[in-house]
């Protein structure tokens, strides 16, 4: 299976940056073929051609349909990170969530 490319998105990329860092630790520990990046919401469109999954911070839940429409032509799966995972900055669980989202 090819590398799963995941982008985490929040307002300025700060909280998602911490979550991405924890996710990369989980990837390394689990020896998974997953790449994780964090970007601000303003940068998402620039990366749609190079990602498989876009995970939004919970505060972007109301914009989910808009992001799905933007990502659809690229075949990118989009979901909102559950608040408990986001709030705990749980890298392992966000990777599991990304993998499930990719398979949906």
N, C-alpha and C. Protein backbone atom coordinates (compact mmCIF):
# COMPACT_ATOMS: atom_id res chain seq x y z
N UNK A 1 0.85 -1.20 0.00
CA UNK A 1 0.00 0.00 0.00
C UNK A 1 0.88 1.25 0.00
N UNK A 2 0.44 2.26 -0.70
CA UNK A 2 1.19 3.51 -0.80
C UNK A 2 1.10 4.28 0.51
N UNK A 3 1.99 5.23 0.63
CA UNK A 3 2.00 6.10 1.80
C UNK A 3 0.68 6.85 1.89
N UNK A 4 0.12 6.93 3.10
CA UNK A 4 -1.09 7.72 3.35
C UNK A 4 -0.64 9.13 3.72
N UNK A 5 -1.04 10.11 2.93
CA UNK A 5 -0.68 11.50 3.17
C UNK A 5 -1.84 12.23 3.81
N UNK A 6 -1.61 12.69 5.04
CA UNK A 6 -2.66 13.29 5.85
C UNK A 6 -2.31 14.75 6.15
N UNK A 7 -3.31 15.63 6.01
CA UNK A 7 -3.14 17.02 6.41
C UNK A 7 -4.11 17.32 7.53
N UNK A 8 -3.59 17.92 8.59
CA UNK A 8 -4.42 18.40 9.69
C UNK A 8 -4.56 19.90 9.51
N UNK A 9 -5.76 20.40 9.69
CA UNK A 9 -6.03 21.81 9.42
C UNK A 9 -6.73 22.47 10.60
N UNK A 10 -6.22 23.63 10.99
CA UNK A 10 -6.91 24.47 11.97
C UNK A 10 -6.75 25.92 11.53
N UNK A 11 -7.09 26.83 12.38
CA UNK A 11 -7.06 28.25 12.01
C UNK A 11 -5.71 28.73 11.51
N UNK A 12 -4.72 28.72 12.38
CA UNK A 12 -3.39 29.20 12.00
C UNK A 12 -2.38 28.07 11.88
N UNK A 13 -2.81 26.85 12.13
CA UNK A 13 -1.91 25.71 12.04
C UNK A 13 -1.16 25.42 13.33
N UNK A 14 -1.47 26.14 14.40
CA UNK A 14 -0.72 25.96 15.65
C UNK A 14 -1.17 24.69 16.40
N UNK A 15 -2.45 24.60 16.74
CA UNK A 15 -2.91 23.41 17.48
C UNK A 15 -2.73 22.16 16.65
N UNK A 16 -3.04 22.27 15.36
CA UNK A 16 -2.87 21.11 14.51
C UNK A 16 -1.39 20.76 14.37
N UNK A 17 -0.52 21.75 14.51
CA UNK A 17 0.93 21.49 14.48
C UNK A 17 1.36 20.62 15.65
N UNK A 18 0.83 20.89 16.83
CA UNK A 18 1.14 20.07 18.00
C UNK A 18 0.58 18.66 17.82
N UNK A 19 -0.64 18.57 17.30
CA UNK A 19 -1.26 17.28 17.07
C UNK A 19 -0.48 16.51 16.00
N UNK A 20 -0.05 17.18 14.95
CA UNK A 20 0.74 16.53 13.89
C UNK A 20 2.05 16.00 14.44
N UNK A 21 2.68 16.76 15.31
CA UNK A 21 3.94 16.32 15.92
C UNK A 21 3.72 15.03 16.71
N UNK A 22 2.66 14.99 17.49
CA UNK A 22 2.33 13.78 18.24
C UNK A 22 1.96 12.62 17.31
N UNK A 23 1.30 12.95 16.22
CA UNK A 23 0.93 11.92 15.25
C UNK A 23 2.19 11.33 14.60
N UNK A 24 3.16 12.18 14.26
CA UNK A 24 4.40 11.68 13.65
C UNK A 24 5.15 10.76 14.61
N UNK A 25 5.08 11.06 15.91
CA UNK A 25 5.70 10.17 16.91
C UNK A 25 5.01 8.81 16.90
N UNK A 26 3.68 8.82 16.81
CA UNK A 26 2.92 7.57 16.78
C UNK A 26 3.22 6.78 15.51
N UNK A 27 3.38 7.48 14.39
CA UNK A 27 3.71 6.84 13.12
C UNK A 27 5.07 6.15 13.22
N UNK A 28 6.03 6.87 13.79
CA UNK A 28 7.38 6.32 13.94
C UNK A 28 7.37 5.10 14.86
N UNK A 29 6.68 5.24 15.98
CA UNK A 29 6.62 4.14 16.95
C UNK A 29 5.94 2.91 16.34
N UNK A 30 4.88 3.13 15.57
CA UNK A 30 4.14 2.03 14.97
C UNK A 30 4.69 1.58 13.63
N UNK A 31 5.77 2.26 13.17
CA UNK A 31 6.38 1.93 11.87
C UNK A 31 5.33 1.93 10.75
N UNK A 32 4.52 2.98 10.73
CA UNK A 32 3.44 3.10 9.76
C UNK A 32 3.89 3.90 8.54
N UNK A 33 3.28 3.63 7.41
CA UNK A 33 3.60 4.35 6.18
C UNK A 33 2.61 5.51 6.02
N UNK A 34 2.77 6.50 6.90
CA UNK A 34 1.87 7.65 6.94
C UNK A 34 2.71 8.92 7.06
N UNK A 35 2.36 9.92 6.27
CA UNK A 35 2.98 11.24 6.36
C UNK A 35 1.92 12.20 6.91
N UNK A 36 2.31 13.01 7.88
CA UNK A 36 1.36 13.93 8.50
C UNK A 36 1.92 15.35 8.47
N UNK A 37 1.12 16.27 7.96
CA UNK A 37 1.47 17.68 7.93
C UNK A 37 0.35 18.49 8.57
N UNK A 38 0.68 19.65 9.05
CA UNK A 38 -0.33 20.57 9.59
C UNK A 38 -0.23 21.88 8.82
N UNK A 39 -1.36 22.40 8.46
CA UNK A 39 -1.42 23.67 7.71
C UNK A 39 -2.60 24.50 8.21
N UNK A 40 -2.53 25.78 7.92
CA UNK A 40 -3.66 26.64 8.26
C UNK A 40 -4.76 26.42 7.22
N UNK A 41 -5.97 26.81 7.56
CA UNK A 41 -7.11 26.63 6.65
C UNK A 41 -6.88 27.36 5.33
N UNK A 42 -6.14 28.45 5.36
CA UNK A 42 -5.89 29.24 4.15
C UNK A 42 -4.99 28.52 3.15
N UNK A 43 -4.26 27.51 3.59
CA UNK A 43 -3.32 26.81 2.71
C UNK A 43 -3.87 25.51 2.12
N UNK A 44 -5.01 25.08 2.56
CA UNK A 44 -5.54 23.77 2.17
C UNK A 44 -5.59 23.59 0.66
N UNK A 45 -6.14 24.54 -0.06
CA UNK A 45 -6.31 24.41 -1.51
C UNK A 45 -4.98 24.15 -2.22
N UNK A 46 -3.89 24.68 -1.70
CA UNK A 46 -2.58 24.51 -2.33
C UNK A 46 -2.04 23.09 -2.23
N UNK A 47 -2.60 22.29 -1.34
CA UNK A 47 -2.07 20.95 -1.07
C UNK A 47 -3.00 19.80 -1.46
N UNK A 48 -4.17 20.09 -1.96
CA UNK A 48 -5.14 19.03 -2.24
C UNK A 48 -4.64 17.99 -3.24
N UNK A 49 -3.77 18.39 -4.12
CA UNK A 49 -3.27 17.43 -5.12
C UNK A 49 -2.22 16.48 -4.55
N UNK A 50 -1.78 16.73 -3.32
CA UNK A 50 -0.71 15.89 -2.76
C UNK A 50 -1.09 15.18 -1.46
N UNK A 51 -2.38 15.21 -1.11
CA UNK A 51 -2.81 14.54 0.12
C UNK A 51 -3.93 13.54 -0.18
N UNK A 52 -4.13 12.62 0.77
CA UNK A 52 -5.20 11.63 0.65
C UNK A 52 -6.35 11.93 1.61
N UNK A 53 -6.01 12.49 2.77
CA UNK A 53 -6.99 12.75 3.81
C UNK A 53 -6.76 14.15 4.37
N UNK A 54 -7.85 14.90 4.54
CA UNK A 54 -7.82 16.21 5.17
C UNK A 54 -8.66 16.12 6.43
N UNK A 55 -8.03 16.37 7.57
CA UNK A 55 -8.75 16.34 8.85
C UNK A 55 -8.82 17.76 9.40
N UNK A 56 -10.03 18.19 9.67
CA UNK A 56 -10.28 19.55 10.15
C UNK A 56 -10.41 19.58 11.66
N UNK A 57 -9.94 20.67 12.25
CA UNK A 57 -10.16 20.88 13.68
C UNK A 57 -11.65 20.98 13.95
N UNK A 58 -12.09 20.59 15.14
CA UNK A 58 -13.52 20.58 15.47
C UNK A 58 -14.22 21.92 15.24
N UNK A 59 -13.48 23.01 15.37
CA UNK A 59 -14.07 24.33 15.19
C UNK A 59 -14.39 24.62 13.72
N UNK A 60 -14.02 23.73 12.80
CA UNK A 60 -14.36 23.88 11.39
C UNK A 60 -15.49 22.94 10.96
N UNK A 61 -16.15 22.33 11.92
CA UNK A 61 -17.23 21.38 11.62
C UNK A 61 -18.32 22.00 10.75
N UNK A 62 -18.63 23.25 10.95
CA UNK A 62 -19.69 23.89 10.16
C UNK A 62 -19.27 24.11 8.71
N UNK A 63 -17.97 24.00 8.42
CA UNK A 63 -17.48 24.20 7.06
C UNK A 63 -17.13 22.88 6.37
N UNK A 64 -17.50 21.76 6.99
CA UNK A 64 -17.16 20.45 6.45
C UNK A 64 -17.61 20.28 5.00
N UNK A 65 -18.86 20.62 4.70
CA UNK A 65 -19.37 20.44 3.34
C UNK A 65 -18.58 21.26 2.32
N UNK A 66 -18.20 22.46 2.71
CA UNK A 66 -17.41 23.31 1.82
C UNK A 66 -16.05 22.68 1.50
N UNK A 67 -15.40 22.14 2.54
CA UNK A 67 -14.10 21.49 2.33
C UNK A 67 -14.26 20.21 1.52
N UNK A 68 -15.34 19.48 1.75
CA UNK A 68 -15.59 18.26 0.96
C UNK A 68 -15.75 18.61 -0.52
N UNK A 69 -16.49 19.67 -0.81
CA UNK A 69 -16.68 20.10 -2.19
C UNK A 69 -15.36 20.49 -2.84
N UNK A 70 -14.54 21.19 -2.09
CA UNK A 70 -13.23 21.62 -2.59
C UNK A 70 -12.32 20.42 -2.84
N UNK A 71 -12.39 19.40 -1.99
CA UNK A 71 -11.49 18.25 -2.06
C UNK A 71 -11.95 17.16 -3.01
N UNK A 72 -13.25 17.12 -3.30
CA UNK A 72 -13.81 16.03 -4.10
C UNK A 72 -13.12 15.82 -5.45
N UNK A 73 -12.82 16.86 -6.23
CA UNK A 73 -12.17 16.65 -7.52
C UNK A 73 -10.78 15.98 -7.40
N UNK A 74 -10.20 16.05 -6.23
CA UNK A 74 -8.87 15.48 -6.00
C UNK A 74 -8.94 14.09 -5.36
N UNK A 75 -10.14 13.64 -5.05
CA UNK A 75 -10.30 12.34 -4.41
C UNK A 75 -9.84 12.32 -2.96
N UNK A 76 -9.80 13.49 -2.33
CA UNK A 76 -9.35 13.62 -0.94
C UNK A 76 -10.54 13.41 -0.02
N UNK A 77 -10.37 12.53 0.98
CA UNK A 77 -11.41 12.31 1.99
C UNK A 77 -11.27 13.39 3.05
N UNK A 78 -12.39 13.91 3.51
CA UNK A 78 -12.39 15.00 4.50
C UNK A 78 -13.25 14.61 5.69
N UNK A 79 -12.76 14.89 6.89
CA UNK A 79 -13.52 14.63 8.11
C UNK A 79 -13.11 15.63 9.18
N UNK A 80 -13.95 15.73 10.19
CA UNK A 80 -13.66 16.59 11.34
C UNK A 80 -13.07 15.73 12.45
N UNK A 81 -11.96 16.16 12.99
CA UNK A 81 -11.31 15.44 14.08
C UNK A 81 -12.22 15.49 15.30
N UNK A 82 -12.54 14.34 15.89
CA UNK A 82 -13.36 14.36 17.10
C UNK A 82 -12.72 15.24 18.19
N UNK A 83 -13.56 15.98 18.89
CA UNK A 83 -13.07 16.94 19.89
C UNK A 83 -12.20 16.30 20.96
N UNK A 84 -12.53 15.06 21.36
CA UNK A 84 -11.73 14.43 22.41
C UNK A 84 -10.31 14.12 21.93
N UNK A 85 -10.17 13.73 20.67
CA UNK A 85 -8.84 13.46 20.11
C UNK A 85 -8.08 14.77 19.96
N UNK A 86 -8.76 15.78 19.42
CA UNK A 86 -8.14 17.08 19.18
C UNK A 86 -7.71 17.72 20.50
N UNK A 87 -8.61 17.71 21.47
CA UNK A 87 -8.33 18.35 22.76
C UNK A 87 -7.20 17.68 23.52
N UNK A 88 -7.06 16.37 23.37
CA UNK A 88 -6.00 15.63 24.06
C UNK A 88 -4.70 15.60 23.25
N UNK A 89 -4.74 16.15 22.03
CA UNK A 89 -3.59 16.09 21.12
C UNK A 89 -3.08 14.65 21.00
N UNK A 90 -4.05 13.73 20.83
CA UNK A 90 -3.76 12.30 20.82
C UNK A 90 -3.30 11.86 19.42
N UNK A 91 -2.00 11.79 19.22
CA UNK A 91 -1.42 11.45 17.93
C UNK A 91 -1.79 10.07 17.44
N UNK A 92 -1.78 9.10 18.33
CA UNK A 92 -2.10 7.72 17.94
C UNK A 92 -3.54 7.62 17.44
N UNK A 93 -4.45 8.22 18.18
CA UNK A 93 -5.86 8.15 17.79
C UNK A 93 -6.16 8.96 16.53
N UNK A 94 -5.45 10.05 16.31
CA UNK A 94 -5.71 10.82 15.09
C UNK A 94 -5.23 10.04 13.87
N UNK A 95 -4.16 9.27 14.01
CA UNK A 95 -3.69 8.42 12.91
C UNK A 95 -4.72 7.32 12.63
N UNK A 96 -5.23 6.69 13.69
CA UNK A 96 -6.26 5.67 13.51
C UNK A 96 -7.50 6.27 12.83
N UNK A 97 -7.86 7.48 13.23
CA UNK A 97 -9.01 8.16 12.63
C UNK A 97 -8.74 8.47 11.15
N UNK A 98 -7.54 8.90 10.85
CA UNK A 98 -7.17 9.19 9.44
C UNK A 98 -7.24 7.93 8.59
N UNK A 99 -6.76 6.83 9.14
CA UNK A 99 -6.79 5.56 8.40
C UNK A 99 -8.22 5.12 8.13
N UNK A 100 -9.09 5.25 9.14
CA UNK A 100 -10.51 4.89 8.95
C UNK A 100 -11.17 5.82 7.92
N UNK A 101 -10.82 7.10 7.98
CA UNK A 101 -11.39 8.07 7.04
C UNK A 101 -10.96 7.73 5.62
N UNK A 102 -9.72 7.35 5.44
CA UNK A 102 -9.19 7.00 4.11
C UNK A 102 -9.92 5.80 3.52
N UNK A 103 -10.36 4.89 4.37
CA UNK A 103 -11.01 3.67 3.90
C UNK A 103 -12.52 3.83 3.73
N UNK A 104 -13.05 4.92 4.22
CA UNK A 104 -14.51 5.14 4.16
C UNK A 104 -15.00 5.37 2.74
